[in-house]
ModelCIF file with pLDDT and N, C-alpha, C, O atoms, coordinates in Angstrom:
data_MODEL
#
_entry.id   MODEL 
#
_entity.id                         1 
_entity.type                       polymer 
_entity.pdbx_number_of_molecules   1 
#
_entity_poly.entity_id                      1 
_entity_poly.type                           'polypeptide(L)' 
_entity_poly.nstd_linkage                   no 
_entity_poly.nstd_monomer                   no 
_entity_poly.pdbx_seq_one_letter_code       RFTISRDNAKNTVFLQMNSLKPEDTAVYYCYIEAWVAGILG 
_entity_poly.pdbx_seq_one_letter_code_can   RFTISRDNAKNTVFLQMNSLKPEDTAVYYCYIEAWVAGILG 
_entity_poly.pdbx_strand_id                 A 
#
loop_
_entity_poly_seq.entity_id 
_entity_poly_seq.num 
_entity_poly_seq.mon_id 
_entity_poly_seq.hetero 
1 1  ARG n 
1 2  PHE n 
1 3  THR n 
1 4  ILE n 
1 5  SER n 
1 6  ARG n 
1 7  ASP n 
1 8  ASN n 
1 9  ALA n 
1 10 LYS n 
1 11 ASN n 
1 12 THR n 
1 13 VAL n 
1 14 PHE n 
1 15 LEU n 
1 16 GLN n 
1 17 MET n 
1 18 ASN n 
1 19 SER n 
1 20 LEU n 
1 21 LYS n 
1 22 PRO n 
1 23 GLU n 
1 24 ASP n 
1 25 THR n 
1 26 ALA n 
1 27 VAL n 
1 28 TYR n 
1 29 TYR n 
1 30 CYS n 
1 31 TYR n 
1 32 ILE n 
1 33 GLU n 
1 34 ALA n 
1 35 TRP n 
1 36 VAL n 
1 37 ALA n 
1 38 GLY n 
1 39 ILE n 
1 40 LEU n 
1 41 GLY n 
#
_struct_asym.id          A 
_struct_asym.entity_id   1 
#
loop_
_ma_qa_metric.id 
_ma_qa_metric.mode 
_ma_qa_metric.name 
_ma_qa_metric.software_group_id 
_ma_qa_metric.type 
1 global pLDDT . pLDDT 
2 local  pLDDT . pLDDT 
#
_ma_qa_metric_global.metric_id      1 
_ma_qa_metric_global.metric_value   95.34 
_ma_qa_metric_global.model_id       1 
_ma_qa_metric_global.ordinal_id     1 
#
loop_
_ma_qa_metric_local.label_asym_id 
_ma_qa_metric_local.label_comp_id 
_ma_qa_metric_local.label_seq_id 
_ma_qa_metric_local.metric_id 
_ma_qa_metric_local.metric_value 
_ma_qa_metric_local.model_id 
_ma_qa_metric_local.ordinal_id 
A ARG 1  2 98.00 1 1  
A PHE 2  2 98.00 1 2  
A THR 3  2 98.00 1 3  
A ILE 4  2 98.00 1 4  
A SER 5  2 97.00 1 5  
A ARG 6  2 95.00 1 6  
A ASP 7  2 92.00 1 7  
A ASN 8  2 86.00 1 8  
A ALA 9  2 88.00 1 9  
A LYS 10 2 90.00 1 10 
A ASN 11 2 92.00 1 11 
A THR 12 2 95.00 1 12 
A VAL 13 2 96.00 1 13 
A PHE 14 2 98.00 1 14 
A LEU 15 2 98.00 1 15 
A GLN 16 2 98.00 1 16 
A MET 17 2 98.00 1 17 
A ASN 18 2 98.00 1 18 
A SER 19 2 98.00 1 19 
A LEU 20 2 98.00 1 20 
A LYS 21 2 98.00 1 21 
A PRO 22 2 98.00 1 22 
A GLU 23 2 97.00 1 23 
A ASP 24 2 98.00 1 24 
A THR 25 2 98.00 1 25 
A ALA 26 2 98.00 1 26 
A VAL 27 2 98.00 1 27 
A TYR 28 2 98.00 1 28 
A TYR 29 2 98.00 1 29 
A CYS 30 2 97.00 1 30 
A TYR 31 2 97.00 1 31 
A ILE 32 2 96.00 1 32 
A GLU 33 2 96.00 1 33 
A ALA 34 2 94.00 1 34 
A TRP 35 2 94.00 1 35 
A VAL 36 2 93.00 1 36 
A ALA 37 2 89.00 1 37 
A GLY 38 2 89.00 1 38 
A ILE 39 2 89.00 1 39 
A LEU 40 2 92.00 1 40 
A GLY 41 2 93.00 1 41 
#
loop_
_atom_site.group_PDB 
_atom_site.id 
_atom_site.type_symbol 
_atom_site.label_atom_id 
_atom_site.label_alt_id 
_atom_site.label_comp_id 
_atom_site.label_asym_id 
_atom_site.label_entity_id 
_atom_site.label_seq_id 
_atom_site.pdbx_PDB_ins_code 
_atom_site.Cartn_x 
_atom_site.Cartn_y 
_atom_site.Cartn_z 
_atom_site.occupancy 
_atom_site.B_iso_or_equiv 
_atom_site.pdbx_formal_charge 
_atom_site.auth_seq_id 
_atom_site.auth_comp_id 
_atom_site.auth_asym_id 
_atom_site.auth_atom_id 
_atom_site.pdbx_PDB_model_num 
ATOM 1   N N  . ARG A 1 1  ? 72.156 91.143  104.957 1.00 98.00 ? 1  ARG A N  1 
ATOM 2   C CA . ARG A 1 1  ? 72.342 89.969  104.117 1.00 98.00 ? 1  ARG A CA 1 
ATOM 3   C C  . ARG A 1 1  ? 73.401 90.181  103.036 1.00 98.00 ? 1  ARG A C  1 
ATOM 4   O O  . ARG A 1 1  ? 74.144 89.258  102.704 1.00 98.00 ? 1  ARG A O  1 
ATOM 5   N N  . PHE A 1 2  ? 73.471 91.391  102.490 1.00 98.00 ? 2  PHE A N  1 
ATOM 6   C CA . PHE A 1 2  ? 74.406 91.700  101.408 1.00 98.00 ? 2  PHE A CA 1 
ATOM 7   C C  . PHE A 1 2  ? 75.520 92.600  101.921 1.00 98.00 ? 2  PHE A C  1 
ATOM 8   O O  . PHE A 1 2  ? 75.310 93.405  102.828 1.00 98.00 ? 2  PHE A O  1 
ATOM 9   N N  . THR A 1 3  ? 76.704 92.460  101.336 1.00 98.00 ? 3  THR A N  1 
ATOM 10  C CA . THR A 1 3  ? 77.840 93.304  101.676 1.00 98.00 ? 3  THR A CA 1 
ATOM 11  C C  . THR A 1 3  ? 78.542 93.752  100.400 1.00 98.00 ? 3  THR A C  1 
ATOM 12  O O  . THR A 1 3  ? 78.907 92.924  99.565  1.00 98.00 ? 3  THR A O  1 
ATOM 13  N N  . ILE A 1 4  ? 78.730 95.059  100.250 1.00 98.00 ? 4  ILE A N  1 
ATOM 14  C CA . ILE A 1 4  ? 79.468 95.585  99.113  1.00 98.00 ? 4  ILE A CA 1 
ATOM 15  C C  . ILE A 1 4  ? 80.888 95.904  99.561  1.00 98.00 ? 4  ILE A C  1 
ATOM 16  O O  . ILE A 1 4  ? 81.103 96.403  100.666 1.00 98.00 ? 4  ILE A O  1 
ATOM 17  N N  . SER A 1 5  ? 81.844 95.617  98.706  1.00 97.00 ? 5  SER A N  1 
ATOM 18  C CA . SER A 1 5  ? 83.241 95.908  98.993  1.00 97.00 ? 5  SER A CA 1 
ATOM 19  C C  . SER A 1 5  ? 83.960 96.194  97.686  1.00 97.00 ? 5  SER A C  1 
ATOM 20  O O  . SER A 1 5  ? 83.406 95.986  96.606  1.00 97.00 ? 5  SER A O  1 
ATOM 21  N N  . ARG A 1 6  ? 85.194 96.669  97.784  1.00 95.00 ? 6  ARG A N  1 
ATOM 22  C CA . ARG A 1 6  ? 85.931 96.959  96.561  1.00 95.00 ? 6  ARG A CA 1 
ATOM 23  C C  . ARG A 1 6  ? 87.421 96.763  96.756  1.00 95.00 ? 6  ARG A C  1 
ATOM 24  O O  . ARG A 1 6  ? 87.930 96.813  97.876  1.00 95.00 ? 6  ARG A O  1 
ATOM 25  N N  . ASP A 1 7  ? 88.105 96.542  95.659  1.00 92.00 ? 7  ASP A N  1 
ATOM 26  C CA . ASP A 1 7  ? 89.548 96.466  95.604  1.00 92.00 ? 7  ASP A CA 1 
ATOM 27  C C  . ASP A 1 7  ? 89.984 97.659  94.766  1.00 92.00 ? 7  ASP A C  1 
ATOM 28  O O  . ASP A 1 7  ? 89.921 97.613  93.537  1.00 92.00 ? 7  ASP A O  1 
ATOM 29  N N  . ASN A 1 8  ? 90.422 98.717  95.418  1.00 86.00 ? 8  ASN A N  1 
ATOM 30  C CA . ASN A 1 8  ? 90.762 99.946  94.714  1.00 86.00 ? 8  ASN A CA 1 
ATOM 31  C C  . ASN A 1 8  ? 91.911 99.756  93.718  1.00 86.00 ? 8  ASN A C  1 
ATOM 32  O O  . ASN A 1 8  ? 91.914 100.363 92.647  1.00 86.00 ? 8  ASN A O  1 
ATOM 33  N N  . ALA A 1 9  ? 92.870 98.926  94.071  1.00 88.00 ? 9  ALA A N  1 
ATOM 34  C CA . ALA A 1 9  ? 94.018 98.712  93.204  1.00 88.00 ? 9  ALA A CA 1 
ATOM 35  C C  . ALA A 1 9  ? 93.622 98.069  91.881  1.00 88.00 ? 9  ALA A C  1 
ATOM 36  O O  . ALA A 1 9  ? 94.284 98.279  90.864  1.00 88.00 ? 9  ALA A O  1 
ATOM 37  N N  . LYS A 1 10 ? 92.548 97.288  91.890  1.00 90.00 ? 10 LYS A N  1 
ATOM 38  C CA . LYS A 1 10 ? 92.101 96.584  90.691  1.00 90.00 ? 10 LYS A CA 1 
ATOM 39  C C  . LYS A 1 10 ? 90.832 97.175  90.088  1.00 90.00 ? 10 LYS A C  1 
ATOM 40  O O  . LYS A 1 10 ? 90.290 96.628  89.127  1.00 90.00 ? 10 LYS A O  1 
ATOM 41  N N  . ASN A 1 11 ? 90.352 98.293  90.646  1.00 92.00 ? 11 ASN A N  1 
ATOM 42  C CA . ASN A 1 11 ? 89.113 98.927  90.178  1.00 92.00 ? 11 ASN A CA 1 
ATOM 43  C C  . ASN A 1 11 ? 87.977 97.911  90.075  1.00 92.00 ? 11 ASN A C  1 
ATOM 44  O O  . ASN A 1 11 ? 87.264 97.857  89.073  1.00 92.00 ? 11 ASN A O  1 
ATOM 45  N N  . THR A 1 12 ? 87.826 97.118  91.115  1.00 95.00 ? 12 THR A N  1 
ATOM 46  C CA . THR A 1 12 ? 86.838 96.057  91.141  1.00 95.00 ? 12 THR A CA 1 
ATOM 47  C C  . THR A 1 12 ? 85.917 96.212  92.350  1.00 95.00 ? 12 THR A C  1 
ATOM 48  O O  . THR A 1 12 ? 86.371 96.529  93.449  1.00 95.00 ? 12 THR A O  1 
ATOM 49  N N  . VAL A 1 13 ? 84.629 95.989  92.138  1.00 96.00 ? 13 VAL A N  1 
ATOM 50  C CA . VAL A 1 13 ? 83.649 96.030  93.208  1.00 96.00 ? 13 VAL A CA 1 
ATOM 51  C C  . VAL A 1 13 ? 82.982 94.664  93.313  1.00 96.00 ? 13 VAL A C  1 
ATOM 52  O O  . VAL A 1 13 ? 82.778 93.985  92.307  1.00 96.00 ? 13 VAL A O  1 
ATOM 53  N N  . PHE A 1 14 ? 82.645 94.265  94.544  1.00 98.00 ? 14 PHE A N  1 
ATOM 54  C CA . PHE A 1 14 ? 82.050 92.969  94.804  1.00 98.00 ? 14 PHE A CA 1 
ATOM 55  C C  . PHE A 1 14 ? 80.722 93.147  95.529  1.00 98.00 ? 14 PHE A C  1 
ATOM 56  O O  . PHE A 1 14 ? 80.496 94.150  96.206  1.00 98.00 ? 14 PHE A O  1 
ATOM 57  N N  . LEU A 1 15 ? 79.861 92.171  95.379  1.00 98.00 ? 15 LEU A N  1 
ATOM 58  C CA . LEU A 1 15 ? 78.627 92.112  96.155  1.00 98.00 ? 15 LEU A CA 1 
ATOM 59  C C  . LEU A 1 15 ? 78.479 90.701  96.687  1.00 98.00 ? 15 LEU A C  1 
ATOM 60  O O  . LEU A 1 15 ? 78.178 89.773  95.936  1.00 98.00 ? 15 LEU A O  1 
ATOM 61  N N  . GLN A 1 16 ? 78.693 90.539  97.988  1.00 98.00 ? 16 GLN A N  1 
ATOM 62  C CA . GLN A 1 16 ? 78.494 89.256  98.644  1.00 98.00 ? 16 GLN A CA 1 
ATOM 63  C C  . GLN A 1 16 ? 77.039 89.161  99.066  1.00 98.00 ? 16 GLN A C  1 
ATOM 64  O O  . GLN A 1 16 ? 76.559 89.993  99.837  1.00 98.00 ? 16 GLN A O  1 
ATOM 65  N N  . MET A 1 17 ? 76.336 88.158  98.570  1.00 98.00 ? 17 MET A N  1 
ATOM 66  C CA . MET A 1 17 ? 74.916 87.993  98.831  1.00 98.00 ? 17 MET A CA 1 
ATOM 67  C C  . MET A 1 17 ? 74.697 86.705  99.611  1.00 98.00 ? 17 MET A C  1 
ATOM 68  O O  . MET A 1 17 ? 74.960 85.612  99.109  1.00 98.00 ? 17 MET A O  1 
ATOM 69  N N  . ASN A 1 18 ? 74.219 86.840  100.832 1.00 98.00 ? 18 ASN A N  1 
ATOM 70  C CA . ASN A 1 18 ? 73.943 85.703  101.697 1.00 98.00 ? 18 ASN A CA 1 
ATOM 71  C C  . ASN A 1 18 ? 72.454 85.618  102.000 1.00 98.00 ? 18 ASN A C  1 
ATOM 72  O O  . ASN A 1 18 ? 71.713 86.580  101.801 1.00 98.00 ? 18 ASN A O  1 
ATOM 73  N N  . SER A 1 19 ? 72.028 84.464  102.482 1.00 98.00 ? 19 SER A N  1 
ATOM 74  C CA . SER A 1 19 ? 70.624 84.244  102.852 1.00 98.00 ? 19 SER A CA 1 
ATOM 75  C C  . SER A 1 19 ? 69.687 84.682  101.736 1.00 98.00 ? 19 SER A C  1 
ATOM 76  O O  . SER A 1 19 ? 68.714 85.397  101.977 1.00 98.00 ? 19 SER A O  1 
ATOM 77  N N  . LEU A 1 20 ? 69.979 84.255  100.528 1.00 98.00 ? 20 LEU A N  1 
ATOM 78  C CA . LEU A 1 20 ? 69.222 84.700  99.365  1.00 98.00 ? 20 LEU A CA 1 
ATOM 79  C C  . LEU A 1 20 ? 67.777 84.214  99.411  1.00 98.00 ? 20 LEU A C  1 
ATOM 80  O O  . LEU A 1 20 ? 67.479 83.109  99.863  1.00 98.00 ? 20 LEU A O  1 
ATOM 81  N N  . LYS A 1 21 ? 66.898 85.077  98.927  1.00 98.00 ? 21 LYS A N  1 
ATOM 82  C CA . LYS A 1 21 ? 65.468 84.816  98.882  1.00 98.00 ? 21 LYS A CA 1 
ATOM 83  C C  . LYS A 1 21 ? 64.987 84.838  97.438  1.00 98.00 ? 21 LYS A C  1 
ATOM 84  O O  . LYS A 1 21 ? 65.628 85.453  96.587  1.00 98.00 ? 21 LYS A O  1 
ATOM 85  N N  . PRO A 1 22 ? 63.869 84.177  97.147  1.00 98.00 ? 22 PRO A N  1 
ATOM 86  C CA . PRO A 1 22 ? 63.342 84.219  95.780  1.00 98.00 ? 22 PRO A CA 1 
ATOM 87  C C  . PRO A 1 22 ? 63.120 85.644  95.273  1.00 98.00 ? 22 PRO A C  1 
ATOM 88  O O  . PRO A 1 22 ? 63.290 85.900  94.081  1.00 98.00 ? 22 PRO A O  1 
ATOM 89  N N  . GLU A 1 23 ? 62.747 86.570  96.146  1.00 97.00 ? 23 GLU A N  1 
ATOM 90  C CA . GLU A 1 23 ? 62.522 87.943  95.727  1.00 97.00 ? 23 GLU A CA 1 
ATOM 91  C C  . GLU A 1 23 ? 63.806 88.690  95.369  1.00 97.00 ? 23 GLU A C  1 
ATOM 92  O O  . GLU A 1 23 ? 63.743 89.816  94.877  1.00 97.00 ? 23 GLU A O  1 
ATOM 93  N N  . ASP A 1 24 ? 64.964 88.084  95.606  1.00 98.00 ? 24 ASP A N  1 
ATOM 94  C CA . ASP A 1 24 ? 66.228 88.656  95.157  1.00 98.00 ? 24 ASP A CA 1 
ATOM 95  C C  . ASP A 1 24 ? 66.488 88.371  93.685  1.00 98.00 ? 24 ASP A C  1 
ATOM 96  O O  . ASP A 1 24 ? 67.427 88.919  93.106  1.00 98.00 ? 24 ASP A O  1 
ATOM 97  N N  . THR A 1 25 ? 65.676 87.529  93.079  1.00 98.00 ? 25 THR A N  1 
ATOM 98  C CA . THR A 1 25 ? 65.844 87.194  91.670  1.00 98.00 ? 25 THR A CA 1 
ATOM 99  C C  . THR A 1 25 ? 65.715 88.440  90.809  1.00 98.00 ? 25 THR A C  1 
ATOM 100 O O  . THR A 1 25 ? 64.709 89.146  90.880  1.00 98.00 ? 25 THR A O  1 
ATOM 101 N N  . ALA A 1 26 ? 66.732 88.712  89.996  1.00 98.00 ? 26 ALA A N  1 
ATOM 102 C CA . ALA A 1 26 ? 66.768 89.911  89.169  1.00 98.00 ? 26 ALA A CA 1 
ATOM 103 C C  . ALA A 1 26 ? 68.027 89.898  88.316  1.00 98.00 ? 26 ALA A C  1 
ATOM 104 O O  . ALA A 1 26 ? 68.914 89.065  88.499  1.00 98.00 ? 26 ALA A O  1 
ATOM 105 N N  . VAL A 1 27 ? 68.085 90.836  87.383  1.00 98.00 ? 27 VAL A N  1 
ATOM 106 C CA . VAL A 1 27 ? 69.333 91.119  86.698  1.00 98.00 ? 27 VAL A CA 1 
ATOM 107 C C  . VAL A 1 27 ? 70.059 92.180  87.509  1.00 98.00 ? 27 VAL A C  1 
ATOM 108 O O  . VAL A 1 27 ? 69.495 93.230  87.815  1.00 98.00 ? 27 VAL A O  1 
ATOM 109 N N  . TYR A 1 28 ? 71.299 91.906  87.853  1.00 98.00 ? 28 TYR A N  1 
ATOM 110 C CA . TYR A 1 28 ? 72.092 92.813  88.665  1.00 98.00 ? 28 TYR A CA 1 
ATOM 111 C C  . TYR A 1 28 ? 73.075 93.576  87.781  1.00 98.00 ? 28 TYR A C  1 
ATOM 112 O O  . TYR A 1 28 ? 73.783 92.983  86.968  1.00 98.00 ? 28 TYR A O  1 
ATOM 113 N N  . TYR A 1 29 ? 73.108 94.900  87.949  1.00 98.00 ? 29 TYR A N  1 
ATOM 114 C CA . TYR A 1 29 ? 73.930 95.776  87.130  1.00 98.00 ? 29 TYR A CA 1 
ATOM 115 C C  . TYR A 1 29 ? 74.965 96.507  87.973  1.00 98.00 ? 29 TYR A C  1 
ATOM 116 O O  . TYR A 1 29 ? 74.643 97.079  89.015  1.00 98.00 ? 29 TYR A O  1 
ATOM 117 N N  . CYS A 1 30 ? 76.185 96.484  87.522  1.00 97.00 ? 30 CYS A N  1 
ATOM 118 C CA . CYS A 1 30 ? 77.257 97.259  88.128  1.00 97.00 ? 30 CYS A CA 1 
ATOM 119 C C  . CYS A 1 30 ? 77.214 98.688  87.599  1.00 97.00 ? 30 CYS A C  1 
ATOM 120 O O  . CYS A 1 30 ? 76.864 98.916  86.441  1.00 97.00 ? 30 CYS A O  1 
ATOM 121 N N  . TYR A 1 31 ? 77.570 99.645  88.445  1.00 97.00 ? 31 TYR A N  1 
ATOM 122 C CA . TYR A 1 31 ? 77.530 101.064 88.099  1.00 97.00 ? 31 TYR A CA 1 
ATOM 123 C C  . TYR A 1 31 ? 78.760 101.750 88.681  1.00 97.00 ? 31 TYR A C  1 
ATOM 124 O O  . TYR A 1 31 ? 79.184 101.439 89.794  1.00 97.00 ? 31 TYR A O  1 
ATOM 125 N N  . ILE A 1 32 ? 79.329 102.682 87.925  1.00 96.00 ? 32 ILE A N  1 
ATOM 126 C CA . ILE A 1 32 ? 80.506 103.402 88.391  1.00 96.00 ? 32 ILE A CA 1 
ATOM 127 C C  . ILE A 1 32 ? 80.393 104.882 88.066  1.00 96.00 ? 32 ILE A C  1 
ATOM 128 O O  . ILE A 1 32 ? 79.950 105.259 86.981  1.00 96.00 ? 32 ILE A O  1 
ATOM 129 N N  . GLU A 1 33 ? 80.795 105.713 89.011  1.00 96.00 ? 33 GLU A N  1 
ATOM 130 C CA . GLU A 1 33 ? 80.961 107.146 88.821  1.00 96.00 ? 33 GLU A CA 1 
ATOM 131 C C  . GLU A 1 33 ? 82.454 107.416 88.928  1.00 96.00 ? 33 GLU A C  1 
ATOM 132 O O  . GLU A 1 33 ? 83.073 107.101 89.944  1.00 96.00 ? 33 GLU A O  1 
ATOM 133 N N  . ALA A 1 34 ? 83.034 107.998 87.885  1.00 94.00 ? 34 ALA A N  1 
ATOM 134 C CA . ALA A 1 34 ? 84.481 108.134 87.863  1.00 94.00 ? 34 ALA A CA 1 
ATOM 135 C C  . ALA A 1 34 ? 84.915 109.365 87.098  1.00 94.00 ? 34 ALA A C  1 
ATOM 136 O O  . ALA A 1 34 ? 84.213 109.851 86.211  1.00 94.00 ? 34 ALA A O  1 
ATOM 137 N N  . TRP A 1 35 ? 86.102 109.865 87.464  1.00 94.00 ? 35 TRP A N  1 
ATOM 138 C CA . TRP A 1 35 ? 86.778 110.864 86.663  1.00 94.00 ? 35 TRP A CA 1 
ATOM 139 C C  . TRP A 1 35 ? 87.610 110.116 85.633  1.00 94.00 ? 35 TRP A C  1 
ATOM 140 O O  . TRP A 1 35 ? 88.409 109.243 85.972  1.00 94.00 ? 35 TRP A O  1 
ATOM 141 N N  . VAL A 1 36 ? 87.411 110.471 84.382  1.00 93.00 ? 36 VAL A N  1 
ATOM 142 C CA . VAL A 1 36 ? 88.070 109.790 83.279  1.00 93.00 ? 36 VAL A CA 1 
ATOM 143 C C  . VAL A 1 36 ? 89.024 110.753 82.594  1.00 93.00 ? 36 VAL A C  1 
ATOM 144 O O  . VAL A 1 36 ? 88.711 111.930 82.416  1.00 93.00 ? 36 VAL A O  1 
ATOM 145 N N  . ALA A 1 37 ? 90.174 110.254 82.216  1.00 89.00 ? 37 ALA A N  1 
ATOM 146 C CA . ALA A 1 37 ? 91.171 111.071 81.541  1.00 89.00 ? 37 ALA A CA 1 
ATOM 147 C C  . ALA A 1 37 ? 90.587 111.723 80.292  1.00 89.00 ? 37 ALA A C  1 
ATOM 148 O O  . ALA A 1 37 ? 90.010 111.049 79.439  1.00 89.00 ? 37 ALA A O  1 
ATOM 149 N N  . GLY A 1 38 ? 90.744 113.043 80.195  1.00 89.00 ? 38 GLY A N  1 
ATOM 150 C CA . GLY A 1 38 ? 90.288 113.777 79.031  1.00 89.00 ? 38 GLY A CA 1 
ATOM 151 C C  . GLY A 1 38 ? 88.851 114.258 79.088  1.00 89.00 ? 38 GLY A C  1 
ATOM 152 O O  . GLY A 1 38 ? 88.397 114.923 78.157  1.00 89.00 ? 38 GLY A O  1 
ATOM 153 N N  . ILE A 1 39 ? 88.116 113.945 80.151  1.00 89.00 ? 39 ILE A N  1 
ATOM 154 C CA . ILE A 1 39 ? 86.722 114.349 80.288  1.00 89.00 ? 39 ILE A CA 1 
ATOM 155 C C  . ILE A 1 39 ? 86.554 115.201 81.534  1.00 89.00 ? 39 ILE A C  1 
ATOM 156 O O  . ILE A 1 39 ? 87.000 114.826 82.619  1.00 89.00 ? 39 ILE A O  1 
ATOM 157 N N  . LEU A 1 40 ? 85.903 116.358 81.374  1.00 92.00 ? 40 LEU A N  1 
ATOM 158 C CA . LEU A 1 40 ? 85.675 117.260 82.486  1.00 92.00 ? 40 LEU A CA 1 
ATOM 159 C C  . LEU A 1 40 ? 84.501 116.758 83.320  1.00 92.00 ? 40 LEU A C  1 
ATOM 160 O O  . LEU A 1 40 ? 83.448 116.419 82.780  1.00 92.00 ? 40 LEU A O  1 
ATOM 161 N N  . GLY A 1 41 ? 84.686 116.714 84.630  1.00 93.00 ? 41 GLY A N  1 
ATOM 162 C CA . GLY A 1 41 ? 83.645 116.233 85.512  1.00 93.00 ? 41 GLY A CA 1 
ATOM 163 C C  . GLY A 1 41 ? 83.584 114.715 85.565  1.00 93.00 ? 41 GLY A C  1 
ATOM 164 O O  . GLY A 1 41 ? 82.748 114.155 86.274  1.00 93.00 ? 41 GLY A O  1 
#
């Protein structure tokens, strides 16, 4: 039902949600793991 995708050039992630159900009701949070300039790891 759901598909995750991203645009690497724009550092953007998408979540296409189809056939939604009442139990999908929630707060949705984006999360990223990244190497950041000036930070080790």
